[in-house]
C-alpha atoms as a PDB file:
ATOM      1  CA  MET A   1       9.969  83.654  87.001  1.00  0.00           C
ATOM      2  CA  TRP A   2      12.059  83.186  90.159  1.00  0.00           C
ATOM      3  CA  ARG A   3      12.567  86.914  90.712  1.00  0.00           C
ATOM      4  CA  ARG A   4       8.819  87.461  90.744  1.00  0.00           C
ATOM      5  CA  SER A   5       8.384  84.660  93.309  1.00  0.00           C
ATOM      6  CA  ILE A   6      11.098  86.141  95.516  1.00  0.00           C
ATOM      7  CA  SER A   7       9.573  89.618  95.180  1.00  0.00           C
ATOM      8  CA  LEU A   8       6.173  88.300  96.238  1.00  0.00           C
ATOM      9  CA  ALA A   9       7.727  86.485  99.191  1.00  0.00           C
ATOM     10  CA  LEU A  10       9.500  89.663 100.322  1.00  0.00           C
ATOM     11  CA  LEU A  11       6.260  91.623  99.980  1.00  0.00           C
ATOM     12  CA  ALA A  12       4.467  89.018 102.090  1.00  0.00           C
ATOM     13  CA  ALA A  13       7.222  89.258 104.702  1.00  0.00           C
ATOM     14  CA  ALA A  14       6.906  93.056 104.829  1.00  0.00           C
ATOM     15  CA  VAL A  15       3.135  92.859 105.242  1.00  0.00           C
ATOM     16  CA  ALA A  16       3.458  90.242 107.983  1.00  0.00           C
ATOM     17  CA  PHE A  17       6.062  92.345 109.801  1.00  0.00           C
ATOM     18  CA  ALA A  18       3.917  95.482 109.541  1.00  0.00           C
ATOM     19  CA  ALA A  19       0.909  93.590 110.873  1.00  0.00           C
ATOM     20  CA  GLY A  20       2.863  92.437 113.912  1.00  0.00           C
ATOM     21  CA  TYR A  21       3.132  88.757 113.089  1.00  0.00           C
ATOM     22  CA  SER A  22       6.256  87.107 114.427  1.00  0.00           C
ATOM     23  CA  THR A  23       6.347  83.997 112.230  1.00  0.00           C
ATOM     24  CA  LEU A  24       6.785  83.763 108.499  1.00  0.00           C
ATOM     25  CA  VAL A  25       6.801  80.478 106.634  1.00  0.00           C
ATOM     26  CA  LEU A  26       8.287  80.597 103.154  1.00  0.00           C
ATOM     27  CA  SER A  27       8.005  77.635 100.835  1.00  0.00           C
ATOM     28  CA  VAL A  28      10.192  77.431  97.727  1.00  0.00           C
ATOM     29  CA  ARG A  29       9.207  74.602  95.439  1.00  0.00           C
ATOM     30  CA  PRO A  30      11.254  72.790  92.811  1.00  0.00           C
ATOM     31  CA  GLU A  31      10.797  74.109  89.276  1.00  0.00           C
ATOM     32  CA  ALA A  32      12.316  73.465  85.856  1.00  0.00           C
ATOM     33  CA  ALA A  33      12.190  74.973  82.365  1.00  0.00           C
ATOM     34  CA  LEU A  34      13.704  73.032  79.476  1.00  0.00           C
ATOM     35  CA  MET A  35      14.024  74.549  75.974  1.00  0.00           C
ATOM     36  CA  TRP A  36      16.055  74.284  72.795  1.00  0.00           C
ATOM     37  CA  MET A  37      19.058  76.557  72.214  1.00  0.00           C
ATOM     38  CA  GLY A  38      19.464  76.069  68.485  1.00  0.00           C
ATOM     39  CA  ALA A  39      19.744  72.533  67.136  1.00  0.00           C
ATOM     40  CA  ASP A  40      22.737  71.409  69.196  1.00  0.00           C
ATOM     41  CA  ALA A  41      21.982  72.360  72.815  1.00  0.00           C
ATOM     42  CA  VAL A  42      19.212  72.573  75.402  1.00  0.00           C
ATOM     43  CA  ARG A  43      18.837  75.242  78.056  1.00  0.00           C
ATOM     44  CA  LEU A  44      17.801  74.070  81.508  1.00  0.00           C
ATOM     45  CA  LYS A  45      16.796  76.462  84.263  1.00  0.00           C
ATOM     46  CA  ILE A  46      16.170  74.420  87.384  1.00  0.00           C
ATOM     47  CA  ARG A  47      15.522  74.805  91.101  1.00  0.00           C
ATOM     48  CA  LEU A  48      15.996  71.511  92.937  1.00  0.00           C
ATOM     49  CA  ALA A  49      14.878  70.516  96.410  1.00  0.00           C
ATOM     50  CA  PRO A  50      17.723  70.046  98.923  1.00  0.00           C
ATOM     51  CA  GLY A  51      19.492  66.739  98.284  1.00  0.00           C
ATOM     52  CA  ALA A  52      17.741  66.113  94.956  1.00  0.00           C
ATOM     53  CA  GLN A  53      19.387  65.662  91.560  1.00  0.00           C
ATOM     54  CA  ALA A  54      17.960  65.809  88.049  1.00  0.00           C
ATOM     55  CA  ARG A  55      18.719  63.515  85.140  1.00  0.00           C
ATOM     56  CA  LEU A  56      18.479  64.183  81.398  1.00  0.00           C
ATOM     57  CA  TRP A  57      18.272  61.431  78.803  1.00  0.00           C
ATOM     58  CA  GLY A  58      16.704  60.670  75.457  1.00  0.00           C
ATOM     59  CA  ASP A  59      13.748  58.304  75.140  1.00  0.00           C
ATOM     60  CA  ALA A  60      10.499  57.921  73.220  1.00  0.00           C
ATOM     61  CA  SER A  61       8.397  57.476  76.371  1.00  0.00           C
ATOM     62  CA  CYS A  62      10.428  59.101  79.214  1.00  0.00           C
ATOM     63  CA  VAL A  63       9.257  56.427  81.664  1.00  0.00           C
ATOM     64  CA  ALA A  64      12.474  56.004  83.651  1.00  0.00           C
ATOM     65  CA  PRO A  65      15.921  57.652  83.554  1.00  0.00           C
ATOM     66  CA  ALA A  66      18.622  55.837  81.623  1.00  0.00           C
ATOM     67  CA  ALA A  67      21.495  54.449  83.681  1.00  0.00           C
ATOM     68  CA  ASP A  68      23.925  56.731  81.831  1.00  0.00           C
ATOM     69  CA  ALA A  69      21.721  59.859  82.028  1.00  0.00           C
ATOM     70  CA  TYR A  70      23.275  63.332  82.231  1.00  0.00           C
ATOM     71  CA  VAL A  71      23.216  64.386  85.916  1.00  0.00           C
ATOM     72  CA  VAL A  72      22.443  67.888  87.203  1.00  0.00           C
ATOM     73  CA  ALA A  73      23.371  68.083  90.883  1.00  0.00           C
ATOM     74  CA  ARG A  74      22.599  71.735  91.707  1.00  0.00           C
ATOM     75  CA  SER A  75      20.039  74.395  90.975  1.00  0.00           C
ATOM     76  CA  GLY A  76      20.989  76.867  88.260  1.00  0.00           C
ATOM     77  CA  THR A  77      20.889  77.630  84.567  1.00  0.00           C
ATOM     78  CA  TYR A  78      22.695  75.286  82.199  1.00  0.00           C
ATOM     79  CA  VAL A  79      23.307  75.087  78.455  1.00  0.00           C
ATOM     80  CA  ILE A  80      23.854  71.405  77.747  1.00  0.00           C
ATOM     81  CA  PRO A  81      25.156  70.117  74.411  1.00  0.00           C
ATOM     82  CA  VAL A  82      22.797  67.526  72.953  1.00  0.00           C
ATOM     83  CA  SER A  83      25.839  65.304  72.392  1.00  0.00           C
ATOM     84  CA  SER A  84      26.179  65.041  76.206  1.00  0.00           C
ATOM     85  CA  ILE A  85      22.676  63.602  76.603  1.00  0.00           C
ATOM     86  CA  PRO A  86      22.472  59.824  76.029  1.00  0.00           C
ATOM     87  CA  ASN A  87      20.072  58.659  73.278  1.00  0.00           C
ATOM     88  CA  SER A  88      19.253  62.274  72.416  1.00  0.00           C
ATOM     89  CA  ASN A  89      17.803  61.296  69.027  1.00  0.00           C
ATOM     90  CA  SER A  90      15.213  58.941  70.535  1.00  0.00           C
ATOM     91  CA  GLY A  91      12.176  61.186  70.145  1.00  0.00           C
ATOM     92  CA  ASN A  92      12.314  63.247  73.356  1.00  0.00           C
ATOM     93  CA  ILE A  93      14.747  64.831  75.749  1.00  0.00           C
ATOM     94  CA  CYS A  94      13.508  63.754  79.172  1.00  0.00           C
ATOM     95  CA  LEU A  95      14.117  65.321  82.587  1.00  0.00           C
ATOM     96  CA  ALA A  96      13.265  63.856  85.987  1.00  0.00           C
ATOM     97  CA  SER A  97      14.364  64.702  89.511  1.00  0.00           C
ATOM     98  CA  SER A  98      15.443  62.033  91.966  1.00  0.00           C
ATOM     99  CA  ASP A  99      12.718  63.060  94.441  1.00  0.00           C
ATOM    100  CA  GLY A 100       9.950  62.767  91.820  1.00  0.00           C
ATOM    101  CA  ALA A 101       8.993  66.463  92.095  1.00  0.00           C
ATOM    102  CA  LEU A 102      10.043  67.369  88.537  1.00  0.00           C
ATOM    103  CA  SER A 103       9.377  65.769  85.177  1.00  0.00           C
ATOM    104  CA  ARG A 104       9.664  67.495  81.789  1.00  0.00           C
ATOM    105  CA  THR A 105       9.658  66.316  78.183  1.00  0.00           C
ATOM    106  CA  LEU A 106      11.133  68.227  75.251  1.00  0.00           C
ATOM    107  CA  PRO A 107      10.303  66.755  71.815  1.00  0.00           C
ATOM    108  CA  VAL A 108      13.357  66.388  69.568  1.00  0.00           C
ATOM    109  CA  ALA A 109      11.208  67.280  66.559  1.00  0.00           C
ATOM    110  CA  SER A 110      10.537  70.766  68.018  1.00  0.00           C
ATOM    111  CA  ARG A 111      14.106  71.939  67.515  1.00  0.00           C
END
């Protein structure tokens, strides 16, 4: 997913260079994928905006992060034990970024 985006960006840069353009603007947007890894862990692959954090918590509605939510401070790939996520048996595993750019819901019943 990210490799393809980077490859396309590099291709665009090569075309712009060959055409004689001197300015290239590259925009990398926040992105997240949240999935089950068996019954006891979730896998999170996330790209955060600079300065943003993500929070994971359990809730039926995923309206707002819990005060004790699991915090992800950097982009990367994580395998997070369900036991580390507060209220993880509440219907959904919820993800939201502090800048509002990302929001994902993973139903507990789908594991």
